N, C-alpha and C. Protein backbone atom coordinates (compact mmCIF):
# COMPACT_ATOMS: atom_id res chain seq x y z
N MET A 1 -3.51 -11.15 34.61
CA MET A 1 -2.88 -10.75 33.37
C MET A 1 -3.94 -10.67 32.27
N PRO A 2 -4.03 -9.52 31.59
CA PRO A 2 -5.06 -9.37 30.56
C PRO A 2 -4.77 -10.26 29.34
N SER A 3 -5.84 -10.73 28.71
CA SER A 3 -5.66 -11.56 27.51
C SER A 3 -5.31 -10.67 26.32
N LEU A 4 -4.84 -11.30 25.26
CA LEU A 4 -4.48 -10.55 24.04
C LEU A 4 -5.68 -9.85 23.43
N MET A 5 -6.88 -10.34 23.71
CA MET A 5 -8.09 -9.77 23.13
C MET A 5 -8.72 -8.69 24.02
N SER A 6 -8.11 -8.39 25.15
CA SER A 6 -8.68 -7.39 26.04
C SER A 6 -8.51 -6.00 25.43
N PRO A 7 -9.38 -5.05 25.80
CA PRO A 7 -9.25 -3.70 25.27
C PRO A 7 -8.00 -2.98 25.78
N TYR A 8 -7.29 -3.57 26.74
CA TYR A 8 -6.03 -3.00 27.19
C TYR A 8 -4.87 -3.42 26.28
N VAL A 9 -4.91 -4.64 25.75
CA VAL A 9 -3.80 -5.20 24.99
C VAL A 9 -4.03 -5.15 23.48
N LEU A 10 -5.21 -5.53 23.03
CA LEU A 10 -5.49 -5.62 21.59
C LEU A 10 -5.20 -4.31 20.84
N PRO A 11 -5.60 -3.15 21.36
CA PRO A 11 -5.29 -1.92 20.63
C PRO A 11 -3.80 -1.69 20.44
N ILE A 12 -3.02 -2.07 21.43
CA ILE A 12 -1.56 -1.89 21.33
C ILE A 12 -1.01 -2.78 20.22
N LEU A 13 -1.45 -4.03 20.18
CA LEU A 13 -1.00 -4.94 19.13
C LEU A 13 -1.43 -4.46 17.75
N MET A 14 -2.67 -3.96 17.67
CA MET A 14 -3.18 -3.46 16.39
C MET A 14 -2.44 -2.19 15.97
N LEU A 15 -2.10 -1.34 16.92
CA LEU A 15 -1.34 -0.13 16.58
C LEU A 15 0.07 -0.46 16.12
N ILE A 16 0.66 -1.48 16.70
CA ILE A 16 1.99 -1.92 16.23
C ILE A 16 1.88 -2.39 14.79
N ALA A 17 0.89 -3.25 14.51
CA ALA A 17 0.71 -3.76 13.14
C ALA A 17 0.40 -2.62 12.18
N SER A 18 -0.47 -1.70 12.58
CA SER A 18 -0.82 -0.59 11.69
C SER A 18 0.40 0.27 11.41
N ASN A 19 1.27 0.43 12.40
CA ASN A 19 2.47 1.23 12.20
C ASN A 19 3.46 0.58 11.25
N VAL A 20 3.49 -0.73 11.23
CA VAL A 20 4.35 -1.41 10.25
C VAL A 20 3.84 -1.07 8.84
N PHE A 21 2.54 -1.19 8.63
CA PHE A 21 1.97 -0.81 7.32
C PHE A 21 2.22 0.66 7.02
N MET A 22 1.97 1.54 8.01
CA MET A 22 2.13 2.97 7.80
C MET A 22 3.57 3.32 7.43
N THR A 23 4.51 2.71 8.13
CA THR A 23 5.91 3.02 7.86
C THR A 23 6.30 2.59 6.46
N PHE A 24 5.85 1.40 6.03
CA PHE A 24 6.13 0.99 4.66
C PHE A 24 5.42 1.88 3.65
N ALA A 25 4.20 2.32 3.97
CA ALA A 25 3.47 3.20 3.05
C ALA A 25 4.18 4.53 2.90
N TRP A 26 4.65 5.09 3.99
CA TRP A 26 5.26 6.41 3.94
C TRP A 26 6.72 6.41 3.52
N TYR A 27 7.46 5.36 3.89
CA TYR A 27 8.91 5.40 3.68
C TYR A 27 9.47 4.24 2.86
N GLY A 28 8.69 3.22 2.61
CA GLY A 28 9.17 2.06 1.86
C GLY A 28 9.64 2.39 0.46
N HIS A 29 8.99 3.37 -0.15
CA HIS A 29 9.35 3.75 -1.52
C HIS A 29 10.74 4.37 -1.61
N LEU A 30 11.29 4.82 -0.48
CA LEU A 30 12.63 5.41 -0.50
C LEU A 30 13.69 4.39 -0.88
N HIS A 31 13.35 3.12 -0.75
CA HIS A 31 14.24 2.05 -1.15
C HIS A 31 14.21 1.85 -2.67
N TYR A 32 13.24 2.46 -3.35
CA TYR A 32 13.04 2.30 -4.79
C TYR A 32 12.91 3.66 -5.47
N THR A 33 13.90 4.50 -5.31
CA THR A 33 13.83 5.86 -5.86
C THR A 33 13.92 5.88 -7.39
N ASN A 34 14.23 4.75 -8.00
CA ASN A 34 14.28 4.68 -9.46
C ASN A 34 12.90 4.51 -10.08
N LYS A 35 11.88 4.26 -9.27
CA LYS A 35 10.51 4.10 -9.75
C LYS A 35 9.84 5.46 -9.87
N PRO A 36 8.87 5.60 -10.77
CA PRO A 36 8.18 6.90 -10.92
C PRO A 36 7.42 7.28 -9.64
N LEU A 37 7.33 8.57 -9.40
CA LEU A 37 6.65 9.05 -8.20
C LEU A 37 5.19 8.61 -8.15
N TRP A 38 4.50 8.63 -9.29
CA TRP A 38 3.10 8.22 -9.29
C TRP A 38 2.94 6.77 -8.82
N ALA A 39 3.89 5.91 -9.18
CA ALA A 39 3.84 4.51 -8.76
C ALA A 39 4.05 4.40 -7.24
N ALA A 40 4.96 5.22 -6.72
CA ALA A 40 5.20 5.22 -5.28
C ALA A 40 3.96 5.69 -4.53
N VAL A 41 3.31 6.72 -5.06
CA VAL A 41 2.09 7.23 -4.41
C VAL A 41 0.99 6.17 -4.43
N MET A 42 0.79 5.53 -5.56
CA MET A 42 -0.26 4.51 -5.67
C MET A 42 0.03 3.30 -4.76
N ALA A 43 1.28 2.86 -4.75
CA ALA A 43 1.64 1.74 -3.89
C ALA A 43 1.46 2.12 -2.42
N SER A 44 1.89 3.32 -2.06
CA SER A 44 1.75 3.78 -0.68
C SER A 44 0.29 3.89 -0.28
N TRP A 45 -0.53 4.37 -1.18
CA TRP A 45 -1.96 4.50 -0.91
C TRP A 45 -2.58 3.13 -0.67
N GLY A 46 -2.19 2.15 -1.48
CA GLY A 46 -2.70 0.80 -1.30
C GLY A 46 -2.29 0.18 0.02
N ILE A 47 -1.05 0.42 0.43
CA ILE A 47 -0.58 -0.10 1.72
C ILE A 47 -1.30 0.61 2.87
N ALA A 48 -1.50 1.91 2.74
CA ALA A 48 -2.15 2.69 3.80
C ALA A 48 -3.59 2.24 4.02
N PHE A 49 -4.23 1.73 2.98
CA PHE A 49 -5.59 1.22 3.13
C PHE A 49 -5.65 0.18 4.25
N PHE A 50 -4.69 -0.74 4.27
CA PHE A 50 -4.65 -1.78 5.29
C PHE A 50 -4.27 -1.21 6.66
N GLU A 51 -3.44 -0.18 6.65
CA GLU A 51 -3.07 0.48 7.90
C GLU A 51 -4.30 1.05 8.58
N TYR A 52 -5.19 1.67 7.81
CA TYR A 52 -6.40 2.24 8.38
C TYR A 52 -7.33 1.17 8.94
N TRP A 53 -7.35 -0.01 8.31
CA TRP A 53 -8.19 -1.10 8.80
C TRP A 53 -7.71 -1.63 10.15
N LEU A 54 -6.50 -1.28 10.54
CA LEU A 54 -5.99 -1.64 11.86
C LEU A 54 -6.05 -0.46 12.83
N ALA A 55 -5.68 0.73 12.37
CA ALA A 55 -5.59 1.88 13.26
C ALA A 55 -6.96 2.34 13.76
N VAL A 56 -7.93 2.41 12.87
CA VAL A 56 -9.25 2.89 13.29
C VAL A 56 -9.90 1.96 14.31
N PRO A 57 -9.95 0.64 14.06
CA PRO A 57 -10.51 -0.24 15.10
C PRO A 57 -9.67 -0.24 16.38
N ALA A 58 -8.36 -0.12 16.26
CA ALA A 58 -7.51 -0.08 17.46
C ALA A 58 -7.91 1.08 18.35
N ASN A 59 -8.12 2.24 17.75
CA ASN A 59 -8.52 3.40 18.53
C ASN A 59 -9.93 3.26 19.07
N ARG A 60 -10.83 2.69 18.30
CA ARG A 60 -12.21 2.49 18.76
C ARG A 60 -12.23 1.53 19.95
N ILE A 61 -11.50 0.42 19.83
CA ILE A 61 -11.45 -0.56 20.93
C ILE A 61 -10.72 0.03 22.13
N GLY A 62 -9.60 0.66 21.88
CA GLY A 62 -8.80 1.23 22.97
C GLY A 62 -9.49 2.34 23.73
N TYR A 63 -10.41 3.03 23.06
CA TYR A 63 -11.11 4.14 23.69
C TYR A 63 -12.03 3.67 24.82
N GLN A 64 -12.27 2.37 24.88
CA GLN A 64 -13.05 1.82 26.00
C GLN A 64 -12.31 1.95 27.32
N VAL A 65 -10.98 1.92 27.26
CA VAL A 65 -10.18 1.91 28.49
C VAL A 65 -9.10 3.00 28.54
N TYR A 66 -8.79 3.62 27.42
CA TYR A 66 -7.81 4.69 27.36
C TYR A 66 -8.50 5.96 26.88
N ASN A 67 -7.97 7.12 27.29
CA ASN A 67 -8.52 8.36 26.73
C ASN A 67 -7.78 8.69 25.43
N ALA A 68 -8.26 9.68 24.71
CA ALA A 68 -7.70 10.01 23.40
C ALA A 68 -6.22 10.40 23.49
N ALA A 69 -5.86 11.14 24.52
CA ALA A 69 -4.46 11.55 24.67
C ALA A 69 -3.56 10.34 24.90
N GLU A 70 -4.03 9.37 25.67
CA GLU A 70 -3.25 8.16 25.91
C GLU A 70 -3.10 7.36 24.62
N LEU A 71 -4.17 7.24 23.85
CA LEU A 71 -4.10 6.52 22.57
C LEU A 71 -3.12 7.20 21.62
N LYS A 72 -3.18 8.52 21.53
CA LYS A 72 -2.27 9.25 20.65
C LYS A 72 -0.83 9.11 21.11
N THR A 73 -0.61 9.13 22.40
CA THR A 73 0.74 8.97 22.94
C THR A 73 1.29 7.59 22.62
N MET A 74 0.45 6.56 22.81
CA MET A 74 0.87 5.20 22.44
C MET A 74 1.26 5.15 20.98
N GLN A 75 0.41 5.76 20.14
CA GLN A 75 0.66 5.77 18.69
C GLN A 75 2.03 6.38 18.38
N GLU A 76 2.34 7.49 19.01
CA GLU A 76 3.61 8.17 18.72
C GLU A 76 4.82 7.36 19.17
N VAL A 77 4.74 6.78 20.35
CA VAL A 77 5.86 5.97 20.85
C VAL A 77 6.03 4.74 19.96
N ILE A 78 4.93 4.08 19.62
CA ILE A 78 4.99 2.91 18.74
C ILE A 78 5.56 3.30 17.38
N THR A 79 5.13 4.44 16.86
CA THR A 79 5.62 4.91 15.56
C THR A 79 7.13 5.07 15.59
N PHE A 80 7.65 5.67 16.63
CA PHE A 80 9.09 5.89 16.70
C PHE A 80 9.85 4.58 16.79
N VAL A 81 9.35 3.64 17.58
CA VAL A 81 10.02 2.34 17.72
C VAL A 81 10.00 1.60 16.39
N VAL A 82 8.83 1.53 15.76
CA VAL A 82 8.72 0.82 14.47
C VAL A 82 9.59 1.50 13.43
N PHE A 83 9.55 2.84 13.36
CA PHE A 83 10.36 3.54 12.37
C PHE A 83 11.85 3.33 12.62
N SER A 84 12.26 3.31 13.88
CA SER A 84 13.68 3.10 14.18
C SER A 84 14.15 1.74 13.67
N ILE A 85 13.36 0.72 13.92
CA ILE A 85 13.70 -0.63 13.44
C ILE A 85 13.72 -0.65 11.92
N PHE A 86 12.72 -0.05 11.29
CA PHE A 86 12.62 0.02 9.83
C PHE A 86 13.82 0.76 9.25
N SER A 87 14.17 1.88 9.87
CA SER A 87 15.27 2.70 9.38
C SER A 87 16.59 1.94 9.38
N VAL A 88 16.82 1.18 10.44
CA VAL A 88 18.08 0.43 10.54
C VAL A 88 18.09 -0.76 9.59
N PHE A 89 17.03 -1.57 9.62
CA PHE A 89 17.05 -2.84 8.91
C PHE A 89 16.59 -2.76 7.45
N TYR A 90 15.75 -1.80 7.11
CA TYR A 90 15.25 -1.71 5.73
C TYR A 90 15.98 -0.64 4.94
N LEU A 91 16.16 0.54 5.55
CA LEU A 91 16.84 1.62 4.84
C LEU A 91 18.35 1.63 5.09
N GLY A 92 18.81 0.87 6.09
CA GLY A 92 20.25 0.80 6.37
C GLY A 92 20.81 2.07 6.97
N GLN A 93 19.99 2.82 7.70
CA GLN A 93 20.45 4.05 8.33
C GLN A 93 20.63 3.83 9.82
N ALA A 94 21.71 4.36 10.34
CA ALA A 94 22.04 4.17 11.75
C ALA A 94 21.19 5.09 12.64
N ILE A 95 20.96 4.63 13.86
CA ILE A 95 20.33 5.46 14.88
C ILE A 95 21.45 6.20 15.61
N THR A 96 21.31 7.50 15.72
CA THR A 96 22.34 8.32 16.35
C THR A 96 22.00 8.62 17.81
N VAL A 97 22.95 9.21 18.50
CA VAL A 97 22.72 9.62 19.89
C VAL A 97 21.57 10.62 19.95
N ASN A 98 21.49 11.52 19.00
CA ASN A 98 20.40 12.50 18.98
C ASN A 98 19.04 11.81 18.84
N HIS A 99 18.98 10.76 18.03
CA HIS A 99 17.73 10.00 17.91
C HIS A 99 17.36 9.39 19.26
N ILE A 100 18.33 8.83 19.93
CA ILE A 100 18.07 8.20 21.23
C ILE A 100 17.61 9.24 22.25
N ILE A 101 18.25 10.40 22.25
CA ILE A 101 17.83 11.47 23.16
C ILE A 101 16.40 11.90 22.84
N GLY A 102 16.10 12.07 21.57
CA GLY A 102 14.75 12.44 21.17
C GLY A 102 13.73 11.40 21.60
N PHE A 103 14.06 10.13 21.44
CA PHE A 103 13.17 9.06 21.85
C PHE A 103 12.96 9.08 23.35
N ALA A 104 14.02 9.33 24.10
CA ALA A 104 13.91 9.40 25.57
C ALA A 104 12.98 10.54 25.97
N LEU A 105 13.04 11.66 25.26
CA LEU A 105 12.15 12.79 25.57
C LEU A 105 10.70 12.44 25.25
N ILE A 106 10.48 11.73 24.15
CA ILE A 106 9.13 11.28 23.81
C ILE A 106 8.61 10.35 24.89
N CYS A 107 9.44 9.43 25.35
CA CYS A 107 9.04 8.51 26.42
C CYS A 107 8.75 9.26 27.71
N ALA A 108 9.53 10.29 27.99
CA ALA A 108 9.26 11.11 29.19
C ALA A 108 7.90 11.78 29.06
N GLY A 109 7.59 12.29 27.88
CA GLY A 109 6.27 12.88 27.65
C GLY A 109 5.17 11.86 27.83
N ALA A 110 5.39 10.65 27.34
CA ALA A 110 4.40 9.57 27.49
C ALA A 110 4.18 9.26 28.97
N PHE A 111 5.24 9.26 29.73
CA PHE A 111 5.12 9.02 31.17
C PHE A 111 4.15 10.01 31.80
N PHE A 112 4.30 11.30 31.46
CA PHE A 112 3.45 12.31 32.05
C PHE A 112 2.01 12.25 31.55
N VAL A 113 1.81 11.84 30.30
CA VAL A 113 0.44 11.69 29.79
C VAL A 113 -0.27 10.58 30.55
N PHE A 114 0.40 9.46 30.76
CA PHE A 114 -0.24 8.34 31.44
C PHE A 114 -0.31 8.54 32.96
N ARG A 115 0.48 9.44 33.48
CA ARG A 115 0.46 9.73 34.92
C ARG A 115 -0.69 10.65 35.28
N ALA A 116 -1.17 11.41 34.33
CA ALA A 116 -2.22 12.43 34.59
C ALA A 116 -3.50 11.88 35.09
């Protein structure tokens, strides 16, 4: 079983963390639509700074054992999972059957990327 610090596991954990930051940077301001747009942009930019400090090293470390297509596929699947949780618990929006079907298709695509 690989350790948490292995290049197989660490990039996945870092991509999950970076996606939490990214999701808040891109969509967190929707919870505060009464604030000026410039404030939302500045806050989002500040949050995204930390997202990059996780995403860039995650990809650099992961590239030791995964190819670029595999890293990008992981990123997309992680993004959808994190966003789905964020959407339900932070924005209070339900996940629909269409969302689930779309997610299943993304996972099917991921299967073929990693099978190649």
